[in-house]
Amino acid sequence: TVYGETVARPLFFEFTSDKTTHFIDRQFMFGPAFLITPVLDQGATSVRGYFPTNETWYRYYDGQILDNSQAYVDLDTPLSDINVHLRSGYIVPFQYPEVTTTQSRKNPFGLLVGLKQNDIATGSLFWDDGESIDTIKSQAYNLFNFIAKDVCF
């Protein structure tokens, strides 16, 4: 809402100087931090995804670092998971969902942190009551900023 950006966006929105991303239409970013590689072909057992090599990518479900030294990676397509990868440099708050906002507000928060070696990750959380109108104008919200640093000795 502040900058007029879409949540779901093509890869070239985030990687404008990477000309390969200008032609990719089978993957998308969800915000600046998540890269989604969906299965679009019926019966597929794997899907080929493009991962810009100047980034470190973490598998969402287990945190394993993706080896994307070749940029294009073949990914398994289990029925139980969607291929979601977290981009390094980002901290994403999460909360387990419920049926209603009131119920979900009772669940604890967590943070997904994608660090690069010897670098930082940042993120933020905008939090309002989920019901009021014009919370920015009335300043009835909290804004939390997160930072994590990988310190090597």
Protein backbone atom coordinates (compact mmCIF):
# COMPACT_ATOMS: atom_id res chain seq x y z
CA THR A 1 0.00 0.00 0.00
CA VAL A 2 2.79 2.45 0.72
CA TYR A 3 4.71 2.00 -2.54
CA GLY A 4 2.02 0.60 -4.85
CA GLU A 5 3.93 -2.64 -5.45
CA THR A 6 2.17 -5.92 -6.08
CA VAL A 7 2.70 -8.80 -3.68
CA ALA A 8 2.95 -11.42 -6.45
CA ARG A 9 5.40 -10.18 -9.07
CA PRO A 10 7.52 -11.44 -11.95
CA LEU A 11 11.19 -12.14 -11.25
CA PHE A 12 12.32 -9.16 -13.32
CA PHE A 13 10.72 -6.79 -10.77
CA GLU A 14 13.41 -7.90 -8.30
CA PHE A 15 16.24 -8.71 -10.70
CA THR A 16 16.02 -5.98 -13.32
CA SER A 17 19.65 -6.25 -14.44
CA ASP A 18 19.40 -10.03 -14.95
CA LYS A 19 18.08 -10.25 -18.51
CA THR A 20 17.21 -13.95 -18.11
CA THR A 21 14.45 -13.01 -15.67
CA HIS A 22 12.77 -10.80 -18.28
CA PHE A 23 11.44 -13.89 -20.07
CA ILE A 24 10.52 -16.17 -17.17
CA ASP A 25 6.78 -16.75 -16.90
CA ARG A 26 6.69 -20.05 -14.99
CA GLN A 27 8.00 -18.70 -11.67
CA PHE A 28 7.16 -15.66 -9.59
CA MET A 29 8.21 -13.76 -6.50
CA PHE A 30 5.89 -13.36 -3.53
CA GLY A 31 7.12 -10.06 -2.18
CA PRO A 32 10.86 -9.54 -2.47
CA ALA A 33 11.77 -12.56 -0.34
CA PHE A 34 9.99 -15.68 -1.66
CA LEU A 35 10.58 -17.35 -5.02
CA ILE A 36 7.77 -19.70 -6.04
CA THR A 37 8.35 -22.42 -8.65
CA PRO A 38 4.93 -24.01 -9.21
CA VAL A 39 4.14 -27.22 -11.06
CA LEU A 40 2.20 -26.16 -14.15
CA ASP A 41 2.21 -29.41 -16.12
CA GLN A 42 -0.07 -32.29 -15.16
CA GLY A 43 1.81 -35.40 -14.05
CA ALA A 44 5.18 -33.65 -13.74
CA THR A 45 7.62 -35.21 -11.26
CA SER A 46 10.11 -32.37 -11.45
CA VAL A 47 10.18 -28.73 -12.46
CA ARG A 48 13.07 -26.61 -13.71
CA GLY A 49 13.55 -23.30 -11.93
CA TYR A 50 15.81 -20.30 -12.44
CA PHE A 51 17.61 -18.95 -9.39
CA PRO A 52 19.74 -15.82 -9.79
CA THR A 53 23.25 -16.91 -8.77
CA ASN A 54 24.15 -13.68 -6.99
CA GLU A 55 21.73 -14.72 -4.23
CA THR A 56 21.68 -17.50 -1.67
CA TRP A 57 18.36 -19.38 -1.62
CA TYR A 58 16.95 -21.44 1.27
CA ARG A 59 14.30 -24.12 0.88
CA TYR A 60 11.29 -22.91 2.83
CA TYR A 61 10.30 -26.22 4.41
CA ASP A 62 13.66 -27.28 5.86
CA GLY A 63 16.05 -24.31 5.54
CA GLN A 64 18.54 -26.18 3.37
CA ILE A 65 20.65 -23.97 1.13
CA LEU A 66 19.97 -24.54 -2.54
CA ASP A 67 23.00 -25.22 -4.70
CA ASN A 68 22.25 -22.83 -7.55
CA SER A 69 25.73 -22.39 -8.95
CA GLN A 70 24.30 -23.24 -12.40
CA ALA A 71 21.30 -20.84 -12.14
CA TYR A 72 18.83 -23.44 -13.50
CA VAL A 73 17.91 -26.13 -10.97
CA ASP A 74 15.72 -29.21 -11.35
CA LEU A 75 13.39 -29.50 -8.36
CA ASP A 76 11.33 -32.48 -7.23
CA THR A 77 7.58 -31.92 -7.16
CA PRO A 78 6.14 -33.79 -4.20
CA LEU A 79 2.37 -33.61 -3.84
CA SER A 80 2.73 -32.40 -0.24
CA ASP A 81 4.83 -29.27 -0.87
CA ILE A 82 5.11 -26.29 -3.17
CA ASN A 83 8.60 -25.27 -4.26
CA VAL A 84 9.13 -22.13 -2.20
CA HIS A 85 12.57 -20.62 -1.57
CA LEU A 86 13.59 -17.81 0.77
CA ARG A 87 16.01 -15.24 -0.61
CA SER A 88 18.99 -14.39 1.57
CA GLY A 89 19.04 -10.97 3.14
CA TYR A 90 15.44 -11.12 4.33
CA ILE A 91 13.65 -11.75 7.60
CA VAL A 92 10.02 -12.79 7.20
CA PRO A 93 7.69 -12.92 10.20
CA PHE A 94 5.14 -15.72 10.17
CA GLN A 95 2.22 -16.87 12.24
CA TYR A 96 0.28 -20.08 11.96
CA PRO A 97 -3.14 -19.41 10.43
CA GLU A 98 -6.57 -20.02 11.84
CA VAL A 99 -10.07 -19.71 10.43
CA THR A 100 -10.52 -16.13 11.66
CA THR A 101 -8.23 -13.18 12.34
CA THR A 102 -9.29 -13.19 15.99
CA GLN A 103 -8.25 -16.82 16.39
CA SER A 104 -4.97 -16.43 14.47
CA ARG A 105 -3.95 -13.49 16.68
CA LYS A 106 -3.66 -15.97 19.55
CA ASN A 107 -0.94 -17.98 17.77
CA PRO A 108 2.75 -17.23 18.40
CA PHE A 109 4.96 -15.58 15.81
CA GLY A 110 8.15 -16.90 14.29
CA LEU A 111 10.84 -15.43 12.09
CA LEU A 112 12.36 -16.93 8.96
CA VAL A 113 15.87 -15.54 8.59
CA GLY A 114 17.87 -15.91 5.40
CA LEU A 115 21.46 -14.84 6.06
CA LYS A 116 24.34 -14.53 3.67
CA GLN A 117 27.72 -15.34 5.20
CA ASN A 118 29.17 -12.21 6.84
CA ASP A 119 26.09 -10.21 5.93
CA ILE A 120 22.81 -9.03 7.40
CA ALA A 121 19.17 -9.81 6.93
CA THR A 122 16.36 -7.36 7.55
CA GLY A 123 12.60 -7.41 7.69
CA SER A 124 9.61 -5.71 9.23
CA LEU A 125 6.15 -6.43 10.55
CA PHE A 126 3.21 -4.05 10.34
CA TRP A 127 0.73 -4.99 13.07
CA ASP A 128 -2.73 -3.51 13.61
CA ASP A 129 -5.88 -4.91 15.18
CA GLY A 130 -7.07 -6.39 11.87
CA GLU A 131 -10.46 -4.71 12.10
CA SER A 132 -10.13 -0.93 12.31
CA ILE A 133 -10.18 1.32 9.26
CA ASP A 134 -7.46 3.90 8.50
CA THR A 135 -5.00 2.57 11.08
CA ILE A 136 -2.10 4.36 9.38
CA LYS A 137 -3.86 7.72 9.45
CA SER A 138 -4.91 7.25 13.09
CA GLN A 139 -1.51 5.73 13.97
CA ALA A 140 -3.21 2.72 15.57
CA TYR A 141 -0.55 0.19 14.63
CA ASN A 142 2.89 -1.10 15.54
CA LEU A 143 5.79 -1.36 13.12
CA PHE A 144 8.53 -3.78 14.12
CA ASN A 145 11.87 -3.77 12.30
CA PHE A 146 14.18 -6.77 12.49
CA ILE A 147 17.88 -7.11 11.77
CA ALA A 148 20.16 -10.13 12.07
CA LYS A 149 23.88 -10.23 11.44
CA ASP A 150 26.10 -13.22 10.75
CA VAL A 151 29.23 -12.72 12.81
CA CYS A 152 32.29 -14.79 11.94
CA PHE A 153 35.41 -14.75 14.09
